[in-house]
Amino acid sequence: MTEDQIIKAYLSRLGKKGGSVTGPTKARKMGEEHYQTVARIQRERWQKWRIENGRPAIKRER
């Protein structure tokens, strides 16, 4: 077997394990700072959308 064949066989054995990470694991993998940055940007986007569409912010009772 050539080096390329060995690598190809190895990767095909791995299957989905070498795939992309999704869900909560992704947040952990990418680091807390990144997750917080994304969350802040999303909050800002929603706030901007609410202002443009004349919808008040959602008030949550605690």
PDB file of N, CA and C in Angstrom:
ATOM      1  N   MET A   1       0.836  -1.201   0.000  1.00  0.00           N
ATOM      2  CA  MET A   1       0.000   0.000   0.000  1.00  0.00           C
ATOM      3  C   MET A   1       0.871   1.251   0.000  1.00  0.00           C
ATOM      4  N   THR A   2       0.446   2.203  -0.794  1.00  0.00           N
ATOM      5  CA  THR A   2       1.168   3.477  -0.796  1.00  0.00           C
ATOM      6  C   THR A   2       0.707   4.314   0.394  1.00  0.00           C
ATOM      7  N   GLU A   3       1.417   5.384   0.625  1.00  0.00           N
ATOM      8  CA  GLU A   3       1.076   6.273   1.745  1.00  0.00           C
ATOM      9  C   GLU A   3      -0.336   6.836   1.578  1.00  0.00           C
ATOM     10  N   ASP A   4      -0.669   7.231   0.340  1.00  0.00           N
ATOM     11  CA  ASP A   4      -2.004   7.783   0.068  1.00  0.00           C
ATOM     12  C   ASP A   4      -3.108   6.775   0.357  1.00  0.00           C
ATOM     13  N   GLN A   5      -2.884   5.523  -0.029  1.00  0.00           N
ATOM     14  CA  GLN A   5      -3.890   4.477   0.207  1.00  0.00           C
ATOM     15  C   GLN A   5      -4.095   4.234   1.698  1.00  0.00           C
ATOM     16  N   ILE A   6      -2.996   4.243   2.435  1.00  0.00           N
ATOM     17  CA  ILE A   6      -3.074   4.041   3.885  1.00  0.00           C
ATOM     18  C   ILE A   6      -3.881   5.168   4.525  1.00  0.00           C
ATOM     19  N   ILE A   7      -3.585   6.399   4.132  1.00  0.00           N
ATOM     20  CA  ILE A   7      -4.304   7.556   4.684  1.00  0.00           C
ATOM     21  C   ILE A   7      -5.779   7.482   4.332  1.00  0.00           C
ATOM     22  N   LYS A   8      -6.073   7.142   3.072  1.00  0.00           N
ATOM     23  CA  LYS A   8      -7.464   7.052   2.622  1.00  0.00           C
ATOM     24  C   LYS A   8      -8.219   5.984   3.415  1.00  0.00           C
ATOM     25  N   ALA A   9      -7.596   4.833   3.625  1.00  0.00           N
ATOM     26  CA  ALA A   9      -8.223   3.749   4.382  1.00  0.00           C
ATOM     27  C   ALA A   9      -8.469   4.177   5.829  1.00  0.00           C
ATOM     28  N   TYR A  10      -7.494   4.864   6.396  1.00  0.00           N
ATOM     29  CA  TYR A  10      -7.621   5.332   7.780  1.00  0.00           C
ATOM     30  C   TYR A  10      -8.779   6.311   7.919  1.00  0.00           C
ATOM     31  N   LEU A  11      -8.847   7.270   7.010  1.00  0.00           N
ATOM     32  CA  LEU A  11      -9.910   8.272   7.067  1.00  0.00           C
ATOM     33  C   LEU A  11     -11.286   7.653   6.843  1.00  0.00           C
ATOM     34  N   SER A  12     -11.381   6.666   5.968  1.00  0.00           N
ATOM     35  CA  SER A  12     -12.681   6.033   5.736  1.00  0.00           C
ATOM     36  C   SER A  12     -13.111   5.221   6.957  1.00  0.00           C
ATOM     37  N   ARG A  13     -12.145   4.687   7.701  1.00  0.00           N
ATOM     38  CA  ARG A  13     -12.469   3.963   8.939  1.00  0.00           C
ATOM     39  C   ARG A  13     -13.004   4.918   9.994  1.00  0.00           C
ATOM     40  N   LEU A  14     -12.422   6.110  10.037  1.00  0.00           N
ATOM     41  CA  LEU A  14     -12.858   7.101  11.020  1.00  0.00           C
ATOM     42  C   LEU A  14     -14.331   7.425  10.840  1.00  0.00           C
ATOM     43  N   GLY A  15     -14.754   7.494   9.588  1.00  0.00           N
ATOM     44  CA  GLY A  15     -16.153   7.783   9.303  1.00  0.00           C
ATOM     45  C   GLY A  15     -16.541   9.157   9.791  1.00  0.00           C
ATOM     46  N   LYS A  16     -17.622   9.219  10.560  1.00  0.00           N
ATOM     47  CA  LYS A  16     -18.158  10.501  11.012  1.00  0.00           C
ATOM     48  C   LYS A  16     -17.368  11.107  12.165  1.00  0.00           C
ATOM     49  N   LYS A  17     -16.512  10.331  12.786  1.00  0.00           N
ATOM     50  CA  LYS A  17     -15.783  10.843  13.947  1.00  0.00           C
ATOM     51  C   LYS A  17     -14.921  12.048  13.589  1.00  0.00           C
ATOM     52  N   GLY A  18     -14.508  12.121  12.335  1.00  0.00           N
ATOM     53  CA  GLY A  18     -13.685  13.245  11.911  1.00  0.00           C
ATOM     54  C   GLY A  18     -14.514  14.407  11.400  1.00  0.00           C
ATOM     55  N   GLY A  19     -15.834  14.310  11.552  1.00  0.00           N
ATOM     56  CA  GLY A  19     -16.738  15.317  10.996  1.00  0.00           C
ATOM     57  C   GLY A  19     -16.810  16.584  11.822  1.00  0.00           C
ATOM     58  N   SER A  20     -17.756  17.420  11.474  1.00  0.00           N
ATOM     59  CA  SER A  20     -17.896  18.705  12.157  1.00  0.00           C
ATOM     60  C   SER A  20     -18.576  18.528  13.509  1.00  0.00           C
ATOM     61  N   VAL A  21     -18.285  19.440  14.399  1.00  0.00           N
ATOM     62  CA  VAL A  21     -18.848  19.399  15.746  1.00  0.00           C
ATOM     63  C   VAL A  21     -20.035  20.349  15.789  1.00  0.00           C
ATOM     64  N   THR A  22     -21.152  19.891  16.364  1.00  0.00           N
ATOM     65  CA  THR A  22     -22.332  20.749  16.445  1.00  0.00           C
ATOM     66  C   THR A  22     -22.863  20.756  17.874  1.00  0.00           C
ATOM     67  N   GLY A  23     -23.796  21.645  18.115  1.00  0.00           N
ATOM     68  CA  GLY A  23     -24.455  21.675  19.420  1.00  0.00           C
ATOM     69  C   GLY A  23     -23.589  22.247  20.521  1.00  0.00           C
ATOM     70  N   PRO A  24     -23.892  21.864  21.758  1.00  0.00           N
ATOM     71  CA  PRO A  24     -23.185  22.412  22.917  1.00  0.00           C
ATOM     72  C   PRO A  24     -21.693  22.096  22.903  1.00  0.00           C
ATOM     73  N   THR A  25     -21.332  20.970  22.290  1.00  0.00           N
ATOM     74  CA  THR A  25     -19.926  20.590  22.226  1.00  0.00           C
ATOM     75  C   THR A  25     -19.148  21.630  21.435  1.00  0.00           C
ATOM     76  N   LYS A  26     -19.777  22.179  20.395  1.00  0.00           N
ATOM     77  CA  LYS A  26     -19.110  23.167  19.559  1.00  0.00           C
ATOM     78  C   LYS A  26     -18.786  24.413  20.376  1.00  0.00           C
ATOM     79  N   ALA A  27     -19.744  24.841  21.186  1.00  0.00           N
ATOM     80  CA  ALA A  27     -19.526  26.024  22.014  1.00  0.00           C
ATOM     81  C   ALA A  27     -18.349  25.794  22.954  1.00  0.00           C
ATOM     82  N   ARG A  28     -18.284  24.594  23.523  1.00  0.00           N
ATOM     83  CA  ARG A  28     -17.200  24.271  24.443  1.00  0.00           C
ATOM     84  C   ARG A  28     -15.878  24.226  23.681  1.00  0.00           C
ATOM     85  N   LYS A  29     -15.924  23.655  22.484  1.00  0.00           N
ATOM     86  CA  LYS A  29     -14.711  23.503  21.699  1.00  0.00           C
ATOM     87  C   LYS A  29     -14.165  24.856  21.250  1.00  0.00           C
ATOM     88  N   MET A  30     -15.059  25.755  20.869  1.00  0.00           N
ATOM     89  CA  MET A  30     -14.622  27.038  20.340  1.00  0.00           C
ATOM     90  C   MET A  30     -14.231  28.022  21.437  1.00  0.00           C
ATOM     91  N   GLY A  31     -14.511  27.695  22.669  1.00  0.00           N
ATOM     92  CA  GLY A  31     -14.098  28.562  23.766  1.00  0.00           C
ATOM     93  C   GLY A  31     -15.208  29.482  24.218  1.00  0.00           C
ATOM     94  N   GLU A  32     -15.172  29.767  25.482  1.00  0.00           N
ATOM     95  CA  GLU A  32     -16.229  30.572  26.099  1.00  0.00           C
ATOM     96  C   GLU A  32     -16.279  31.986  25.522  1.00  0.00           C
ATOM     97  N   GLU A  33     -15.109  32.566  25.255  1.00  0.00           N
ATOM     98  CA  GLU A  33     -15.069  33.947  24.748  1.00  0.00           C
ATOM     99  C   GLU A  33     -15.807  34.042  23.422  1.00  0.00           C
ATOM    100  N   HIS A  34     -15.542  33.089  22.540  1.00  0.00           N
ATOM    101  CA  HIS A  34     -16.187  33.091  21.226  1.00  0.00           C
ATOM    102  C   HIS A  34     -17.701  32.975  21.382  1.00  0.00           C
ATOM    103  N   TYR A  35     -18.113  32.084  22.254  1.00  0.00           N
ATOM    104  CA  TYR A  35     -19.539  31.850  22.474  1.00  0.00           C
ATOM    105  C   TYR A  35     -20.219  33.120  22.987  1.00  0.00           C
ATOM    106  N   GLN A  36     -19.557  33.802  23.917  1.00  0.00           N
ATOM    107  CA  GLN A  36     -20.109  35.046  24.472  1.00  0.00           C
ATOM    108  C   GLN A  36     -20.182  36.135  23.406  1.00  0.00           C
ATOM    109  N   THR A  37     -19.165  36.201  22.555  1.00  0.00           N
ATOM    110  CA  THR A  37     -19.153  37.192  21.474  1.00  0.00           C
ATOM    111  C   THR A  37     -20.324  36.963  20.535  1.00  0.00           C
ATOM    112  N   VAL A  38     -20.523  35.717  20.128  1.00  0.00           N
ATOM    113  CA  VAL A  38     -21.616  35.377  19.216  1.00  0.00           C
ATOM    114  C   VAL A  38     -22.959  35.696  19.861  1.00  0.00           C
ATOM    115  N   ALA A  39     -23.121  35.353  21.125  1.00  0.00           N
ATOM    116  CA  ALA A  39     -24.376  35.611  21.833  1.00  0.00           C
ATOM    117  C   ALA A  39     -24.660  37.110  21.892  1.00  0.00           C
ATOM    118  N   ARG A  40     -23.633  37.906  22.165  1.00  0.00           N
ATOM    119  CA  ARG A  40     -23.798  39.361  22.232  1.00  0.00           C
ATOM    120  C   ARG A  40     -24.213  39.910  20.870  1.00  0.00           C
ATOM    121  N   ILE A  41     -23.564  39.458  19.810  1.00  0.00           N
ATOM    122  CA  ILE A  41     -23.886  39.924  18.460  1.00  0.00           C
ATOM    123  C   ILE A  41     -25.331  39.575  18.107  1.00  0.00           C
ATOM    124  N   GLN A  42     -25.758  38.358  18.460  1.00  0.00           N
ATOM    125  CA  GLN A  42     -27.137  37.946  18.182  1.00  0.00           C
ATOM    126  C   GLN A  42     -28.132  38.809  18.942  1.00  0.00           C
ATOM    127  N   ARG A  43     -27.843  39.102  20.208  1.00  0.00           N
ATOM    128  CA  ARG A  43     -28.728  39.973  20.998  1.00  0.00           C
ATOM    129  C   ARG A  43     -28.854  41.343  20.347  1.00  0.00           C
ATOM    130  N   GLU A  44     -27.707  41.870  19.882  1.00  0.00           N
ATOM    131  CA  GLU A  44     -27.720  43.182  19.229  1.00  0.00           C
ATOM    132  C   GLU A  44     -28.528  43.145  17.936  1.00  0.00           C
ATOM    133  N   ARG A  45     -28.379  42.068  17.176  1.00  0.00           N
ATOM    134  CA  ARG A  45     -29.143  41.933  15.932  1.00  0.00           C
ATOM    135  C   ARG A  45     -30.631  41.913  16.197  1.00  0.00           C
ATOM    136  N   TRP A  46     -31.049  41.121  17.196  1.00  0.00           N
ATOM    137  CA  TRP A  46     -32.474  41.030  17.525  1.00  0.00           C
ATOM    138  C   TRP A  46     -33.008  42.366  18.005  1.00  0.00           C
ATOM    139  N   GLN A  47     -32.203  43.069  18.804  1.00  0.00           N
ATOM    140  CA  GLN A  47     -32.638  44.368  19.316  1.00  0.00           C
ATOM    141  C   GLN A  47     -32.845  45.343  18.158  1.00  0.00           C
ATOM    142  N   LYS A  48     -31.904  45.331  17.222  1.00  0.00           N
ATOM    143  CA  LYS A  48     -32.005  46.193  16.042  1.00  0.00           C
ATOM    144  C   LYS A  48     -33.264  45.840  15.244  1.00  0.00           C
ATOM    145  N   TRP A  49     -33.524  44.547  15.068  1.00  0.00           N
ATOM    146  CA  TRP A  49     -34.701  44.087  14.323  1.00  0.00           C
ATOM    147  C   TRP A  49     -35.987  44.535  15.009  1.00  0.00           C
ATOM    148  N   ARG A  50     -36.017  44.414  16.344  1.00  0.00           N
ATOM    149  CA  ARG A  50     -37.213  44.819  17.098  1.00  0.00           C
ATOM    150  C   ARG A  50     -37.493  46.307  16.927  1.00  0.00           C
ATOM    151  N   ILE A  51     -36.435  47.113  16.971  1.00  0.00           N
ATOM    152  CA  ILE A  51     -36.592  48.562  16.815  1.00  0.00           C
ATOM    153  C   ILE A  51     -37.119  48.879  15.411  1.00  0.00           C
ATOM    154  N   GLU A  52     -36.530  48.234  14.393  1.00  0.00           N
ATOM    155  CA  GLU A  52     -36.947  48.472  13.007  1.00  0.00           C
ATOM    156  C   GLU A  52     -38.388  48.047  12.765  1.00  0.00           C
ATOM    157  N   ASN A  53     -38.818  46.981  13.409  1.00  0.00           N
ATOM    158  CA  ASN A  53     -40.157  46.442  13.184  1.00  0.00           C
ATOM    159  C   ASN A  53     -41.183  46.901  14.217  1.00  0.00           C
ATOM    160  N   GLY A  54     -40.762  47.790  15.092  1.00  0.00           N
ATOM    161  CA  GLY A  54     -41.679  48.351  16.076  1.00  0.00           C
ATOM    162  C   GLY A  54     -42.192  47.354  17.086  1.00  0.00           C
ATOM    163  N   ARG A  55     -41.364  46.394  17.428  1.00  0.00           N
ATOM    164  CA  ARG A  55     -41.773  45.396  18.421  1.00  0.00           C
ATOM    165  C   ARG A  55     -40.976  45.612  19.694  1.00  0.00           C
ATOM    166  N   PRO A  56     -41.654  45.626  20.834  1.00  0.00           N
ATOM    167  CA  PRO A  56     -40.915  45.825  22.086  1.00  0.00           C
ATOM    168  C   PRO A  56     -40.086  44.587  22.444  1.00  0.00           C
ATOM    169  N   ALA A  57     -39.105  44.796  23.273  1.00  0.00           N
ATOM    170  CA  ALA A  57     -38.283  43.679  23.735  1.00  0.00           C
ATOM    171  C   ALA A  57     -39.127  42.736  24.572  1.00  0.00           C
ATOM    172  N   ILE A  58     -38.776  41.485  24.563  1.00  0.00           N
ATOM    173  CA  ILE A  58     -39.506  40.485  25.339  1.00  0.00           C
ATOM    174  C   ILE A  58     -39.124  40.648  26.803  1.00  0.00           C
ATOM    175  N   LYS A  59     -40.123  40.828  27.637  1.00  0.00           N
ATOM    176  CA  LYS A  59     -39.841  40.982  29.067  1.00  0.00           C
ATOM    177  C   LYS A  59     -40.072  39.644  29.748  1.00  0.00           C
ATOM    178  N   ARG A  60     -39.044  39.161  30.379  1.00  0.00           N
ATOM    179  CA  ARG A  60     -39.139  37.874  31.069  1.00  0.00           C
ATOM    180  C   ARG A  60     -39.305  38.113  32.555  1.00  0.00           C
ATOM    181  N   GLU A  61     -40.273  37.420  33.143  1.00  0.00           N
ATOM    182  CA  GLU A  61     -40.462  37.521  34.596  1.00  0.00           C
ATOM    183  C   GLU A  61     -39.627  36.450  35.265  1.00  0.00           C
ATOM    184  N   ARG A  62     -38.963  36.860  36.338  1.00  0.00           N
ATOM    185  CA  ARG A  62     -38.120  35.878  37.036  1.00  0.00           C
ATOM    186  C   ARG A  62     -38.652  35.599  38.406  1.00  0.00           C
TER     187      ARG A  62
END
